[in-house]
Amino acid sequence: MDTFMTWLSGLFSNWGIVWKNFDYLLVGAYPQGPLGGLAMSIVMAVIGIFGAFWIGLAVGLMRLSSRRWLAWPALVYIEIIRGTPLLMVIFWFYFFAPILLGHAVPETDSAIAAFIVFTSAYVAEIVRAGVLSLPKGQTEAARGSGLSHTQAMIYVILPQALRNMIPSFVNQFVSLTKDTSLAMIINVNELTLSARHIYTRTMKAPMEIFLTIALLYFVICWVLTAFSRKLERGMSRYQSRETL
């Protein structure tokens, strides 16, 4: 009985450490200090997703171009980035950007730039696959109605292709959200590094601390996935009404 009570007391004590530092896991030292924790992970993920989508869309369309001077640079970019680990891309920006720019670059900016560049290569391939999945008759019908190639792509092809790309986009963005944990390697105080700070200070409850951040990552990724499913259902109903 005494052993059980000792174990129970230690269990509550360990979870008490997590609860006492839960605000640090969520926002870091903010507002007394810089933003960190889960909030920093979300900020990096949102900026990374937004930037990667537009750059990836542009690179994907370049990859589809019949003009070699557009298609070949896009192909080289995609293949190099997709063949390089994300951690290495983060190091590129962290160590090389200050040399090229001639001044120090904040760790957070380096990490976000790496996330955008890395994810946009995968987004570009999603865009290319989505456009190629449509029947060629769509393009021919659009061109036959008097639209130019660019107008056909903007007004006819992309709206249909983007609907089909939603699941792939969400999978890639969920992956990016989890990959923000790699920013800890260059000392960005995101969620994983915040957890390590707490453990370093207390030297207690490692299982409880890291189980908590695993649950926080899960919640964020689950919300993204649930939003994707809702968006897909909405798109399906919209397409059904258009068909009718």
C-alpha atoms as a PDB file:
ATOM      1  CA  MET A   1       0.000   0.000   0.000  1.00  0.00           C
ATOM      2  CA  ASP A   2       2.801   2.395   0.873  1.00  0.00           C
ATOM      3  CA  THR A   3       4.493   1.636  -2.443  1.00  0.00           C
ATOM      4  CA  PHE A   4       1.276   2.360  -4.339  1.00  0.00           C
ATOM      5  CA  MET A   5       0.734   5.641  -2.481  1.00  0.00           C
ATOM      6  CA  THR A   6       4.325   6.678  -3.173  1.00  0.00           C
ATOM      7  CA  TRP A   7       3.836   5.918  -6.881  1.00  0.00           C
ATOM      8  CA  LEU A   8       0.537   7.815  -6.926  1.00  0.00           C
ATOM      9  CA  SER A   9       2.087  10.808  -5.174  1.00  0.00           C
ATOM     10  CA  GLY A  10       4.953  10.850  -7.681  1.00  0.00           C
ATOM     11  CA  LEU A  11       2.489  10.621 -10.560  1.00  0.00           C
ATOM     12  CA  PHE A  12       0.509  13.640  -9.391  1.00  0.00           C
ATOM     13  CA  SER A  13       3.738  15.496  -8.707  1.00  0.00           C
ATOM     14  CA  ASN A  14       4.991  14.841 -12.255  1.00  0.00           C
ATOM     15  CA  TRP A  15       1.766  15.996 -13.896  1.00  0.00           C
ATOM     16  CA  GLY A  16       1.819  18.998 -11.555  1.00  0.00           C
ATOM     17  CA  ILE A  17       5.115  20.032 -13.157  1.00  0.00           C
ATOM     18  CA  VAL A  18       3.473  19.904 -16.574  1.00  0.00           C
ATOM     19  CA  TRP A  19       0.471  21.921 -15.412  1.00  0.00           C
ATOM     20  CA  LYS A  20       2.656  24.511 -13.666  1.00  0.00           C
ATOM     21  CA  ASN A  21       4.608  25.074 -16.896  1.00  0.00           C
ATOM     22  CA  PHE A  22       1.710  24.602 -19.305  1.00  0.00           C
ATOM     23  CA  ASP A  23       1.567  28.313 -20.181  1.00  0.00           C
ATOM     24  CA  TYR A  24       5.256  28.127 -21.184  1.00  0.00           C
ATOM     25  CA  LEU A  25       4.447  25.204 -23.478  1.00  0.00           C
ATOM     26  CA  LEU A  26       1.694  27.274 -25.077  1.00  0.00           C
ATOM     27  CA  VAL A  27       3.291  30.718 -25.547  1.00  0.00           C
ATOM     28  CA  GLY A  28       6.826  30.567 -24.148  1.00  0.00           C
ATOM     29  CA  ALA A  29       7.817  33.604 -22.077  1.00  0.00           C
ATOM     30  CA  TYR A  30       5.257  35.867 -23.787  1.00  0.00           C
ATOM     31  CA  PRO A  31       4.232  38.644 -22.951  1.00  0.00           C
ATOM     32  CA  GLN A  32       7.226  39.225 -20.648  1.00  0.00           C
ATOM     33  CA  GLY A  33       9.541  37.718 -23.259  1.00  0.00           C
ATOM     34  CA  PRO A  34       9.563  36.477 -26.855  1.00  0.00           C
ATOM     35  CA  LEU A  35       6.784  34.290 -28.199  1.00  0.00           C
ATOM     36  CA  GLY A  36       7.492  30.563 -28.045  1.00  0.00           C
ATOM     37  CA  GLY A  37       5.979  27.157 -27.487  1.00  0.00           C
ATOM     38  CA  LEU A  38       2.932  25.973 -29.393  1.00  0.00           C
ATOM     39  CA  ALA A  39       2.110  29.509 -30.531  1.00  0.00           C
ATOM     40  CA  MET A  40       5.489  29.811 -32.256  1.00  0.00           C
ATOM     41  CA  SER A  41       5.020  26.415 -33.924  1.00  0.00           C
ATOM     42  CA  ILE A  42       1.621  27.518 -35.239  1.00  0.00           C
ATOM     43  CA  VAL A  43       2.979  30.872 -36.471  1.00  0.00           C
ATOM     44  CA  MET A  44       5.813  29.157 -38.358  1.00  0.00           C
ATOM     45  CA  ALA A  45       3.431  26.562 -39.804  1.00  0.00           C
ATOM     46  CA  VAL A  46       0.885  29.169 -40.972  1.00  0.00           C
ATOM     47  CA  ILE A  47       3.504  31.401 -42.610  1.00  0.00           C
ATOM     48  CA  GLY A  48       5.220  28.361 -44.100  1.00  0.00           C
ATOM     49  CA  ILE A  49       1.946  26.990 -45.489  1.00  0.00           C
ATOM     50  CA  PHE A  50       0.942  30.341 -47.003  1.00  0.00           C
ATOM     51  CA  GLY A  51       4.333  30.969 -48.594  1.00  0.00           C
ATOM     52  CA  ALA A  52       4.792  27.387 -49.805  1.00  0.00           C
ATOM     53  CA  PHE A  53       1.353  27.317 -51.441  1.00  0.00           C
ATOM     54  CA  TRP A  54       1.940  30.343 -53.682  1.00  0.00           C
ATOM     55  CA  ILE A  55       5.559  29.523 -54.523  1.00  0.00           C
ATOM     56  CA  GLY A  56       4.664  25.876 -55.111  1.00  0.00           C
ATOM     57  CA  LEU A  57       1.745  26.881 -57.334  1.00  0.00           C
ATOM     58  CA  ALA A  58       4.029  29.088 -59.443  1.00  0.00           C
ATOM     59  CA  VAL A  59       6.785  26.460 -59.672  1.00  0.00           C
ATOM     60  CA  GLY A  60       4.248  23.742 -60.499  1.00  0.00           C
ATOM     61  CA  LEU A  61       2.851  25.788 -63.376  1.00  0.00           C
ATOM     62  CA  MET A  62       6.376  26.530 -64.579  1.00  0.00           C
ATOM     63  CA  ARG A  63       7.059  22.788 -64.533  1.00  0.00           C
ATOM     64  CA  LEU A  64       4.040  22.268 -66.804  1.00  0.00           C
ATOM     65  CA  SER A  65       5.111  24.960 -69.268  1.00  0.00           C
ATOM     66  CA  SER A  66       6.098  23.972 -72.792  1.00  0.00           C
ATOM     67  CA  ARG A  67       8.837  26.610 -72.640  1.00  0.00           C
ATOM     68  CA  ARG A  68      12.081  24.953 -71.564  1.00  0.00           C
ATOM     69  CA  TRP A  69      13.490  28.103 -70.001  1.00  0.00           C
ATOM     70  CA  LEU A  70      10.592  27.901 -67.513  1.00  0.00           C
ATOM     71  CA  ALA A  71      10.214  24.133 -67.153  1.00  0.00           C
ATOM     72  CA  TRP A  72      13.878  23.205 -66.640  1.00  0.00           C
ATOM     73  CA  PRO A  73      14.676  25.580 -63.730  1.00  0.00           C
ATOM     74  CA  ALA A  74      11.474  24.415 -62.034  1.00  0.00           C
ATOM     75  CA  LEU A  75      12.467  20.767 -62.535  1.00  0.00           C
ATOM     76  CA  VAL A  76      15.972  21.362 -61.135  1.00  0.00           C
ATOM     77  CA  TYR A  77      14.543  23.206 -58.114  1.00  0.00           C
ATOM     78  CA  ILE A  78      12.024  20.454 -57.365  1.00  0.00           C
ATOM     79  CA  GLU A  79      14.494  17.596 -57.718  1.00  0.00           C
ATOM     80  CA  ILE A  80      17.232  19.239 -55.625  1.00  0.00           C
ATOM     81  CA  ILE A  81      14.930  20.215 -52.777  1.00  0.00           C
ATOM     82  CA  ARG A  82      13.013  16.936 -52.723  1.00  0.00           C
ATOM     83  CA  GLY A  83      16.304  15.060 -52.657  1.00  0.00           C
ATOM     84  CA  THR A  84      17.602  17.018 -49.663  1.00  0.00           C
ATOM     85  CA  PRO A  85      16.607  16.444 -46.005  1.00  0.00           C
ATOM     86  CA  LEU A  86      14.681  19.302 -44.414  1.00  0.00           C
ATOM     87  CA  LEU A  87      17.261  19.536 -41.648  1.00  0.00           C
ATOM     88  CA  MET A  88      19.941  20.256 -44.249  1.00  0.00           C
ATOM     89  CA  VAL A  89      17.792  22.984 -45.837  1.00  0.00           C
ATOM     90  CA  ILE A  90      17.393  24.586 -42.401  1.00  0.00           C
ATOM     91  CA  PHE A  91      21.193  24.559 -41.991  1.00  0.00           C
ATOM     92  CA  TRP A  92      21.604  26.128 -45.449  1.00  0.00           C
ATOM     93  CA  PHE A  93      19.539  29.121 -44.484  1.00  0.00           C
ATOM     94  CA  TYR A  94      20.926  29.364 -40.965  1.00  0.00           C
ATOM     95  CA  PHE A  95      24.615  29.285 -41.938  1.00  0.00           C
ATOM     96  CA  PHE A  96      24.692  30.574 -45.536  1.00  0.00           C
ATOM     97  CA  ALA A  97      22.095  33.369 -45.468  1.00  0.00           C
ATOM     98  CA  PRO A  98      24.196  35.605 -43.151  1.00  0.00           C
ATOM     99  CA  ILE A  99      27.203  35.108 -45.454  1.00  0.00           C
ATOM    100  CA  LEU A 100      25.221  36.024 -48.581  1.00  0.00           C
ATOM    101  CA  LEU A 101      23.336  38.934 -47.000  1.00  0.00           C
ATOM    102  CA  GLY A 102      26.238  40.284 -44.980  1.00  0.00           C
ATOM    103  CA  HIS A 103      24.323  40.434 -41.709  1.00  0.00           C
ATOM    104  CA  ALA A 104      22.843  38.093 -39.109  1.00  0.00           C
ATOM    105  CA  VAL A 105      19.455  36.513 -39.824  1.00  0.00           C
ATOM    106  CA  PRO A 106      17.142  35.662 -36.899  1.00  0.00           C
ATOM    107  CA  GLU A 107      16.812  31.938 -36.254  1.00  0.00           C
ATOM    108  CA  THR A 108      13.043  32.049 -36.686  1.00  0.00           C
ATOM    109  CA  ASP A 109      13.324  33.733 -40.094  1.00  0.00           C
ATOM    110  CA  SER A 110      15.873  31.130 -41.220  1.00  0.00           C
ATOM    111  CA  ALA A 111      13.581  28.296 -40.154  1.00  0.00           C
ATOM    112  CA  ILE A 112      10.502  29.787 -41.846  1.00  0.00           C
ATOM    113  CA  ALA A 113      12.410  30.380 -45.096  1.00  0.00           C
ATOM    114  CA  ALA A 114      13.594  26.765 -45.023  1.00  0.00           C
ATOM    115  CA  PHE A 115      10.043  25.488 -44.441  1.00  0.00           C
ATOM    116  CA  ILE A 116       8.704  27.553 -47.343  1.00  0.00           C
ATOM    117  CA  VAL A 117      11.415  26.483 -49.784  1.00  0.00           C
ATOM    118  CA  PHE A 118      11.230  22.815 -48.777  1.00  0.00           C
ATOM    119  CA  THR A 119       7.435  22.484 -48.761  1.00  0.00           C
ATOM    120  CA  SER A 120       6.932  24.476 -51.973  1.00  0.00           C
ATOM    121  CA  ALA A 121       8.834  21.794 -53.928  1.00  0.00           C
ATOM    122  CA  TYR A 122       6.307  19.181 -52.801  1.00  0.00           C
ATOM    123  CA  VAL A 123       3.392  21.535 -53.423  1.00  0.00           C
ATOM    124  CA  ALA A 124       4.696  22.066 -56.968  1.00  0.00           C
ATOM    125  CA  GLU A 125       4.532  18.317 -57.630  1.00  0.00           C
ATOM    126  CA  ILE A 126       1.003  18.175 -56.177  1.00  0.00           C
ATOM    127  CA  VAL A 127      -0.038  20.994 -58.534  1.00  0.00           C
ATOM    128  CA  ARG A 128       1.559  19.288 -61.532  1.00  0.00           C
ATOM    129  CA  ALA A 129      -0.117  15.955 -60.744  1.00  0.00           C
ATOM    130  CA  GLY A 130      -3.474  17.642 -60.120  1.00  0.00           C
ATOM    131  CA  VAL A 131      -3.459  19.485 -63.428  1.00  0.00           C
ATOM    132  CA  LEU A 132      -2.330  16.427 -65.393  1.00  0.00           C
ATOM    133  CA  SER A 133      -5.077  14.326 -63.784  1.00  0.00           C
ATOM    134  CA  LEU A 134      -7.767  16.335 -65.600  1.00  0.00           C
ATOM    135  CA  PRO A 135      -8.934  15.136 -69.032  1.00  0.00           C
ATOM    136  CA  LYS A 136      -7.203  16.906 -71.925  1.00  0.00           C
ATOM    137  CA  GLY A 137     -10.622  17.725 -73.298  1.00  0.00           C
ATOM    138  CA  GLN A 138     -11.027  20.372 -70.603  1.00  0.00           C
ATOM    139  CA  THR A 139      -8.126  22.384 -71.989  1.00  0.00           C
ATOM    140  CA  GLU A 140      -9.217  21.851 -75.568  1.00  0.00           C
ATOM    141  CA  ALA A 141     -12.782  22.964 -74.795  1.00  0.00           C
ATOM    142  CA  ALA A 142     -11.515  26.074 -73.016  1.00  0.00           C
ATOM    143  CA  ARG A 143      -9.195  26.965 -75.894  1.00  0.00           C
ATOM    144  CA  GLY A 144     -12.001  26.294 -78.358  1.00  0.00           C
ATOM    145  CA  SER A 145     -14.196  28.838 -76.588  1.00  0.00           C
ATOM    146  CA  GLY A 146     -11.652  31.552 -77.385  1.00  0.00           C
ATOM    147  CA  LEU A 147      -9.618  31.591 -74.164  1.00  0.00           C
ATOM    148  CA  SER A 148      -5.856  31.869 -74.304  1.00  0.00           C
ATOM    149  CA  HIS A 149      -3.714  29.165 -72.680  1.00  0.00           C
ATOM    150  CA  THR A 150      -3.183  31.342 -69.585  1.00  0.00           C
ATOM    151  CA  GLN A 151      -6.883  32.199 -69.312  1.00  0.00           C
ATOM    152  CA  ALA A 152      -7.849  28.537 -69.728  1.00  0.00           C
ATOM    153  CA  MET A 153      -5.460  27.588 -66.930  1.00  0.00           C
ATOM    154  CA  ILE A 154      -6.706  30.302 -64.555  1.00  0.00           C
ATOM    155  CA  TYR A 155     -10.453  30.113 -65.179  1.00  0.00           C
ATOM    156  CA  VAL A 156     -11.043  26.467 -66.170  1.00  0.00           C
ATOM    157  CA  ILE A 157      -8.207  24.087 -65.278  1.00  0.00           C
ATOM    158  CA  LEU A 158      -6.927  25.342 -61.918  1.00  0.00           C
ATOM    159  CA  PRO A 159     -10.342  25.691 -60.188  1.00  0.00           C
ATOM    160  CA  GLN A 160     -11.107  22.043 -60.972  1.00  0.00           C
ATOM    161  CA  ALA A 161      -7.602  20.760 -60.238  1.00  0.00           C
ATOM    162  CA  LEU A 162      -7.286  22.597 -56.910  1.00  0.00           C
ATOM    163  CA  ARG A 163     -10.416  20.866 -55.598  1.00  0.00           C
ATOM    164  CA  ASN A 164      -8.810  17.506 -56.335  1.00  0.00           C
ATOM    165  CA  MET A 165      -5.571  18.594 -54.662  1.00  0.00           C
ATOM    166  CA  ILE A 166      -7.104  19.400 -51.269  1.00  0.00           C
ATOM    167  CA  PRO A 167      -6.315  16.040 -49.577  1.00  0.00           C
ATOM    168  CA  SER A 168      -2.710  16.123 -50.808  1.00  0.00           C
ATOM    169  CA  PHE A 169      -2.298  19.745 -49.734  1.00  0.00           C
ATOM    170  CA  VAL A 170      -3.586  19.006 -46.248  1.00  0.00           C
ATOM    171  CA  ASN A 171      -1.310  15.974 -45.885  1.00  0.00           C
ATOM    172  CA  GLN A 172       1.665  18.113 -46.847  1.00  0.00           C
ATOM    173  CA  PHE A 173       0.658  20.919 -44.491  1.00  0.00           C
ATOM    174  CA  VAL A 174       0.115  18.485 -41.602  1.00  0.00           C
ATOM    175  CA  SER A 175       3.612  17.176 -42.280  1.00  0.00           C
ATOM    176  CA  LEU A 176       4.966  20.748 -42.228  1.00  0.00           C
ATOM    177  CA  THR A 177       3.262  21.423 -38.892  1.00  0.00           C
ATOM    178  CA  LYS A 178       5.045  18.438 -37.357  1.00  0.00           C
ATOM    179  CA  ASP A 179       8.313  19.365 -39.061  1.00  0.00           C
ATOM    180  CA  THR A 180       8.395  22.715 -37.251  1.00  0.00           C
ATOM    181  CA  SER A 181       9.878  20.722 -34.360  1.00  0.00           C
ATOM    182  CA  LEU A 182      13.144  20.576 -36.350  1.00  0.00           C
ATOM    183  CA  ALA A 183      13.572  24.312 -35.801  1.00  0.00           C
ATOM    184  CA  MET A 184      14.777  23.492 -32.281  1.00  0.00           C
ATOM    185  CA  ILE A 185      18.113  22.470 -33.823  1.00  0.00           C
ATOM    186  CA  ILE A 186      18.894  26.150 -34.509  1.00  0.00           C
ATOM    187  CA  ASN A 187      17.508  27.237 -31.131  1.00  0.00           C
ATOM    188  CA  VAL A 188      14.044  28.450 -32.189  1.00  0.00           C
ATOM    189  CA  ASN A 189      11.891  28.253 -29.082  1.00  0.00           C
ATOM    190  CA  GLU A 190       9.019  26.288 -30.626  1.00  0.00           C
ATOM    191  CA  LEU A 191       7.028  23.608 -28.802  1.00  0.00           C
ATOM    192  CA  THR A 192       9.672  20.872 -28.656  1.00  0.00           C
ATOM    193  CA  LEU A 193      12.432  23.192 -27.457  1.00  0.00           C
ATOM    194  CA  SER A 194      10.062  24.686 -24.864  1.00  0.00           C
ATOM    195  CA  ALA A 195       9.465  21.178 -23.544  1.00  0.00           C
ATOM    196  CA  ARG A 196      13.199  20.550 -23.362  1.00  0.00           C
ATOM    197  CA  HIS A 197      13.676  23.824 -21.471  1.00  0.00           C
ATOM    198  CA  ILE A 198      11.117  22.709 -18.887  1.00  0.00           C
ATOM    199  CA  TYR A 199      12.788  19.333 -18.465  1.00  0.00           C
ATOM    200  CA  THR A 200      16.243  20.948 -18.211  1.00  0.00           C
ATOM    201  CA  ARG A 201      15.001  23.237 -15.435  1.00  0.00           C
ATOM    202  CA  THR A 202      13.170  20.587 -13.425  1.00  0.00           C
ATOM    203  CA  MET A 203      15.011  17.351 -14.380  1.00  0.00           C
ATOM    204  CA  LYS A 204      11.723  15.590 -13.679  1.00  0.00           C
ATOM    205  CA  ALA A 205       8.721  14.134 -15.516  1.00  0.00           C
ATOM    206  CA  PRO A 206      10.236  13.632 -19.003  1.00  0.00           C
ATOM    207  CA  MET A 207       7.516  11.162 -19.994  1.00  0.00           C
ATOM    208  CA  GLU A 208       4.711  13.483 -18.923  1.00  0.00           C
ATOM    209  CA  ILE A 209       6.268  16.560 -20.567  1.00  0.00           C
ATOM    210  CA  PHE A 210       6.887  14.943 -23.941  1.00  0.00           C
ATOM    211  CA  LEU A 211       3.583  13.052 -23.877  1.00  0.00           C
ATOM    212  CA  THR A 212       1.875  16.432 -23.437  1.00  0.00           C
ATOM    213  CA  ILE A 213       3.583  17.982 -26.468  1.00  0.00           C
ATOM    214  CA  ALA A 214       2.753  14.867 -28.513  1.00  0.00           C
ATOM    215  CA  LEU A 215      -0.916  15.410 -27.638  1.00  0.00           C
ATOM    216  CA  LEU A 216      -0.669  19.104 -28.563  1.00  0.00           C
ATOM    217  CA  TYR A 217       0.813  18.221 -31.976  1.00  0.00           C
ATOM    218  CA  PHE A 218      -1.943  15.642 -32.440  1.00  0.00           C
ATOM    219  CA  VAL A 219      -4.690  18.179 -31.685  1.00  0.00           C
ATOM    220  CA  ILE A 220      -3.324  20.699 -34.199  1.00  0.00           C
ATOM    221  CA  CYS A 221      -2.938  18.066 -36.930  1.00  0.00           C
ATOM    222  CA  TRP A 222      -6.381  16.612 -36.183  1.00  0.00           C
ATOM    223  CA  VAL A 223      -7.968  20.063 -36.545  1.00  0.00           C
ATOM    224  CA  LEU A 224      -6.269  20.507 -39.942  1.00  0.00           C
ATOM    225  CA  THR A 225      -7.444  17.076 -41.088  1.00  0.00           C
ATOM    226  CA  ALA A 226     -10.998  17.677 -39.858  1.00  0.00           C
ATOM    227  CA  PHE A 227     -11.083  21.012 -41.696  1.00  0.00           C
ATOM    228  CA  SER A 228      -9.899  19.241 -44.847  1.00  0.00           C
ATOM    229  CA  ARG A 229     -12.701  16.673 -44.613  1.00  0.00           C
ATOM    230  CA  LYS A 230     -15.278  19.404 -44.090  1.00  0.00           C
ATOM    231  CA  LEU A 231     -13.911  21.325 -47.077  1.00  0.00           C
ATOM    232  CA  GLU A 232     -13.991  18.199 -49.236  1.00  0.00           C
ATOM    233  CA  ARG A 233     -17.628  17.512 -48.291  1.00  0.00           C
ATOM    234  CA  GLY A 234     -18.529  21.115 -49.105  1.00  0.00           C
ATOM    235  CA  MET A 235     -16.792  20.875 -52.469  1.00  0.00           C
ATOM    236  CA  SER A 236     -18.559  17.576 -53.230  1.00  0.00           C
ATOM    237  CA  ARG A 237     -21.982  19.080 -52.490  1.00  0.00           C
ATOM    238  CA  TYR A 238     -21.105  22.104 -54.647  1.00  0.00           C
ATOM    239  CA  GLN A 239     -20.056  19.854 -57.542  1.00  0.00           C
ATOM    240  CA  SER A 240     -23.250  17.797 -57.158  1.00  0.00           C
ATOM    241  CA  ARG A 241     -25.405  20.937 -57.405  1.00  0.00           C
ATOM    242  CA  GLU A 242     -23.434  22.050 -60.496  1.00  0.00           C
ATOM    243  CA  THR A 243     -24.032  18.652 -62.119  1.00  0.00           C
ATOM    244  CA  LEU A 244     -27.760  18.861 -61.429  1.00  0.00           C
END
